[in-house]
Amino acid sequence: MKKRSRFKKYFKGSGFLTLIFSMFREISVDNTPPVMSVEVTTDRSSYAPGEEVTVLVHLRDFIPNDPGYSYLNFIVQYDSAVFDNSEYLQQSVYKKEAYTSGNEVNTITEYNFMSPVDGSIYLDMNTSLRGIDIQVEANTKQISIPAVDQTLVTFKLRVREHTLAASSTICLANEFTRIRTSEVSDSFYLYSPDVAEIAPEPVAIIPSPSVSVFSLNHDPNRLA
């Protein structure tokens, strides 16, 4: 694929840690356009404390004639001070009923869609950030994850009952992105600079209306 530079080909099959490699890539000059875009959305724009949130991860804007991919790895980050998903997990792994793989990758015989895993990520020393690790791999070299607009996965979070946040953003932690092309004779890894994130809208947290007990029992116009 002509849009993928010799620099990327040199590191094909590399086992470098994604974050270290991403930092190295930022120092290098790489003017090739992204091979795809990733967008993280929610089923609604606002929620009250205690409400369930459905998160969707979409892949879009593939380059022309892209043959597809043999491996995709994305991490979606959220603030655990605002959102919780413990009810959907078993030993940090999403239960089967708490996530859905997209139509393009939900065939068991063709793709290995690993259950999303929840874990801490440390960015800007904010230890409340957590990430949902999403991985899917083609089971054979003859199969590729198609480079077509698709929803890769949906999964659940819940707004914490006592959060004081007015809004919070659920987004791609693109520093950790890792994808592998499906070109059998010349397969190589691509990293975060090769994937553009479509900036998500912050999720609004709307406080539940509180009703005063005094106002229900006291009517100033009521005669004693």
Protein backbone atom coordinates (compact mmCIF):
# COMPACT_ATOMS: atom_id res chain seq x y z
CA MET A 1 0.00 0.00 0.00
CA LYS A 2 1.67 3.18 -1.24
CA LYS A 3 0.38 5.40 1.53
CA ARG A 4 2.31 3.39 4.11
CA SER A 5 5.86 4.62 4.31
CA ARG A 6 9.15 2.72 4.33
CA PHE A 7 9.55 3.77 7.94
CA LYS A 8 6.49 1.73 8.86
CA LYS A 9 7.63 -1.24 6.80
CA TYR A 10 11.01 -1.25 8.53
CA PHE A 11 9.27 -1.95 11.82
CA LYS A 12 6.90 -4.64 10.55
CA GLY A 13 6.27 -7.31 13.16
CA SER A 14 7.80 -5.07 15.82
CA GLY A 15 7.24 -6.05 19.44
CA PHE A 16 7.88 -2.56 20.86
CA LEU A 17 5.52 -1.37 23.53
CA THR A 18 2.83 0.71 21.88
CA LEU A 19 3.28 3.80 24.02
CA ILE A 20 7.07 3.91 23.62
CA PHE A 21 6.77 3.41 19.89
CA SER A 22 4.12 6.13 19.62
CA MET A 23 6.43 8.60 21.36
CA PHE A 24 9.24 7.65 18.99
CA ARG A 25 6.96 8.14 16.01
CA GLU A 26 6.04 11.64 17.14
CA ILE A 27 9.70 12.65 16.97
CA SER A 28 9.99 11.25 13.44
CA VAL A 29 8.53 13.13 10.49
CA ASP A 30 5.60 11.21 9.06
CA ASN A 31 3.38 13.05 6.64
CA THR A 32 1.33 10.10 5.46
CA PRO A 33 -2.42 10.57 6.02
CA PRO A 34 -4.29 8.45 8.58
CA VAL A 35 -5.54 5.11 7.30
CA MET A 36 -8.80 5.37 9.26
CA SER A 37 -10.74 7.40 11.81
CA VAL A 38 -12.17 6.22 15.12
CA GLU A 39 -15.20 7.84 16.75
CA VAL A 40 -16.55 7.10 20.23
CA THR A 41 -20.21 7.99 20.81
CA THR A 42 -22.91 7.31 23.41
CA ASP A 43 -26.55 6.39 22.91
CA ARG A 44 -27.63 9.72 24.43
CA SER A 45 -26.06 13.12 24.95
CA SER A 46 -27.04 13.46 28.63
CA TYR A 47 -27.71 11.21 31.62
CA ALA A 48 -28.80 11.49 35.22
CA PRO A 49 -26.75 9.93 38.03
CA GLY A 50 -27.41 6.19 38.19
CA GLU A 51 -28.40 5.84 34.53
CA GLU A 52 -26.85 3.32 32.15
CA VAL A 53 -24.69 4.52 29.28
CA THR A 54 -24.18 2.58 26.06
CA VAL A 55 -20.82 3.39 24.45
CA LEU A 56 -20.23 2.73 20.74
CA VAL A 57 -16.86 2.60 18.95
CA HIS A 58 -17.05 3.35 15.21
CA LEU A 59 -14.42 2.95 12.47
CA ARG A 60 -14.68 5.32 9.50
CA ASP A 61 -12.81 7.09 6.68
CA PHE A 62 -10.63 4.25 5.43
CA ILE A 63 -8.18 5.07 2.65
CA PRO A 64 -9.19 4.01 -0.89
CA ASN A 65 -8.55 0.36 -1.80
CA ASP A 66 -7.55 -0.51 1.75
CA PRO A 67 -7.32 -4.35 1.89
CA GLY A 68 -8.31 -4.47 5.56
CA TYR A 69 -6.60 -5.51 8.78
CA SER A 70 -5.60 -8.68 10.58
CA TYR A 71 -5.56 -7.11 14.06
CA LEU A 72 -7.12 -4.08 15.76
CA ASN A 73 -6.40 -2.84 19.28
CA PHE A 74 -8.04 0.29 20.72
CA ILE A 75 -8.44 1.58 24.26
CA VAL A 76 -11.42 3.74 25.21
CA GLN A 77 -10.85 5.84 28.31
CA TYR A 78 -13.34 7.10 30.88
CA ASP A 79 -13.21 8.83 34.26
CA SER A 80 -13.96 6.27 36.98
CA ALA A 81 -14.94 9.11 39.35
CA VAL A 82 -17.92 9.72 37.04
CA PHE A 83 -18.66 6.32 35.47
CA ASP A 84 -18.65 2.78 36.82
CA ASN A 85 -18.87 -0.62 35.10
CA SER A 86 -18.26 -3.09 37.93
CA GLU A 87 -21.72 -4.64 37.51
CA TYR A 88 -20.83 -5.58 33.93
CA LEU A 89 -17.45 -7.15 34.72
CA GLN A 90 -16.16 -10.43 36.04
CA GLN A 91 -12.52 -10.24 37.16
CA SER A 92 -12.00 -7.05 35.10
CA VAL A 93 -13.35 -8.70 31.91
CA TYR A 94 -16.69 -7.72 30.38
CA LYS A 95 -19.39 -10.35 30.65
CA LYS A 96 -20.71 -11.59 27.32
CA GLU A 97 -24.10 -9.95 27.88
CA ALA A 98 -22.53 -6.54 28.65
CA TYR A 99 -20.95 -5.90 25.24
CA THR A 100 -21.73 -6.57 21.58
CA SER A 101 -19.22 -6.94 18.78
CA GLY A 102 -20.10 -5.23 15.50
CA ASN A 103 -21.66 -6.91 12.48
CA GLU A 104 -18.37 -7.03 10.58
CA VAL A 105 -16.45 -8.92 13.29
CA ASN A 106 -18.99 -11.02 15.19
CA THR A 107 -18.43 -14.24 13.21
CA ILE A 108 -16.70 -16.64 15.60
CA THR A 109 -15.20 -18.78 12.83
CA GLU A 110 -13.48 -15.81 11.14
CA TYR A 111 -12.51 -13.42 13.92
CA ASN A 112 -11.35 -13.71 17.50
CA PHE A 113 -13.12 -10.84 19.26
CA MET A 114 -11.70 -10.79 22.77
CA SER A 115 -13.96 -9.70 25.60
CA PRO A 116 -13.12 -6.06 26.45
CA VAL A 117 -10.93 -5.68 29.54
CA ASP A 118 -11.09 -2.82 32.04
CA GLY A 119 -7.90 -1.47 33.62
CA SER A 120 -6.11 1.59 34.97
CA ILE A 121 -4.25 3.86 32.61
CA TYR A 122 -1.94 6.63 33.77
CA LEU A 123 -2.11 9.80 31.72
CA ASP A 124 -1.22 13.22 33.12
CA MET A 125 -1.03 11.60 36.59
CA ASN A 126 -4.82 11.29 36.65
CA THR A 127 -5.21 7.92 38.32
CA SER A 128 -9.02 7.99 38.06
CA LEU A 129 -8.79 7.39 34.31
CA ARG A 130 -9.54 3.85 33.24
CA GLY A 131 -9.45 2.22 29.84
CA ILE A 132 -11.51 -0.42 28.06
CA ASP A 133 -9.06 -2.55 26.04
CA ILE A 134 -10.68 -3.75 22.80
CA GLN A 135 -8.95 -6.32 20.58
CA VAL A 136 -10.04 -8.29 17.54
CA GLU A 137 -7.93 -10.51 15.31
CA ALA A 138 -8.57 -12.45 12.11
CA ASN A 139 -8.23 -16.18 12.72
CA THR A 140 -6.27 -16.84 9.51
CA LYS A 141 -4.04 -14.89 7.11
CA GLN A 142 -6.62 -15.44 4.39
CA ILE A 143 -9.21 -13.33 6.22
CA SER A 144 -9.10 -9.59 6.86
CA ILE A 145 -11.21 -7.31 9.02
CA PRO A 146 -12.87 -5.30 6.25
CA ALA A 147 -11.97 -1.65 5.81
CA VAL A 148 -15.54 -0.40 5.69
CA ASP A 149 -17.46 1.98 7.93
CA GLN A 150 -18.54 -0.10 10.89
CA THR A 151 -19.41 -0.11 14.58
CA LEU A 152 -16.67 -2.22 16.10
CA VAL A 153 -18.21 -2.74 19.54
CA THR A 154 -20.74 -1.43 22.06
CA PHE A 155 -20.35 -1.75 25.83
CA LYS A 156 -21.92 -0.48 29.04
CA LEU A 157 -21.02 2.07 31.71
CA ARG A 158 -23.17 3.58 34.44
CA VAL A 159 -23.12 7.13 35.80
CA ARG A 160 -22.19 7.03 39.48
CA GLU A 161 -25.05 7.83 41.83
CA HIS A 162 -23.25 10.60 43.71
CA THR A 163 -21.14 12.17 40.98
CA LEU A 164 -20.93 15.96 41.05
CA ALA A 165 -19.61 16.25 37.49
CA ALA A 166 -21.45 18.48 35.04
CA SER A 167 -19.95 16.63 32.08
CA SER A 168 -17.32 14.06 31.24
CA THR A 169 -15.72 12.79 28.03
CA ILE A 170 -15.50 9.16 26.96
CA CYS A 171 -12.89 8.98 24.21
CA LEU A 172 -10.18 7.03 22.44
CA ALA A 173 -6.86 6.79 24.28
CA ASN A 174 -5.08 6.95 20.95
CA GLU A 175 -1.61 6.75 22.49
CA PHE A 176 -2.22 3.02 22.89
CA THR A 177 -3.67 2.28 19.44
CA ARG A 178 -2.15 -0.63 17.54
CA ILE A 179 -3.39 -2.13 14.27
CA ARG A 180 -1.85 -4.62 11.84
CA THR A 181 -2.37 -4.73 8.10
CA SER A 182 -3.61 -7.86 6.39
CA GLU A 183 -1.04 -7.91 3.60
CA VAL A 184 0.16 -11.48 4.01
CA SER A 185 3.56 -11.10 2.34
CA ASP A 186 4.33 -7.70 3.84
CA SER A 187 2.28 -7.28 7.00
CA PHE A 188 3.31 -4.61 9.49
CA TYR A 189 2.02 -2.67 12.48
CA LEU A 190 0.61 0.83 12.39
CA TYR A 191 0.30 3.03 15.48
CA SER A 192 -1.56 6.07 16.76
CA PRO A 193 -0.33 8.63 14.18
CA ASP A 194 -1.94 6.44 11.51
CA VAL A 195 -5.38 6.64 13.14
CA ALA A 196 -7.31 9.90 13.45
CA GLU A 197 -9.67 10.35 16.38
CA ILE A 198 -12.95 12.15 15.72
CA ALA A 199 -13.26 14.31 18.82
CA PRO A 200 -16.27 13.22 20.89
CA GLU A 201 -18.81 15.52 22.50
CA PRO A 202 -18.67 15.57 26.31
CA VAL A 203 -21.43 13.59 28.00
CA ALA A 204 -23.65 15.90 30.07
CA ILE A 205 -24.55 14.78 33.60
CA ILE A 206 -27.94 16.19 34.58
CA PRO A 207 -28.62 16.17 38.34
CA SER A 208 -31.80 14.37 39.33
CA PRO A 209 -34.45 16.84 40.50
CA SER A 210 -34.80 16.84 44.28
CA VAL A 211 -38.16 17.32 45.95
CA SER A 212 -38.35 19.06 49.28
CA VAL A 213 -40.33 17.18 51.92
CA PHE A 214 -41.17 20.53 53.51
CA SER A 215 -42.76 21.83 50.32
CA LEU A 216 -45.00 18.77 50.08
CA ASN A 217 -46.32 19.08 53.61
CA HIS A 218 -46.50 22.85 54.00
CA ASP A 219 -48.96 25.04 52.10
CA PRO A 220 -48.77 28.69 53.21
CA ASN A 221 -52.30 29.30 51.88
CA ARG A 222 -53.77 26.39 53.76
CA LEU A 223 -55.86 27.31 56.79
CA ALA A 224 -54.90 25.69 60.07
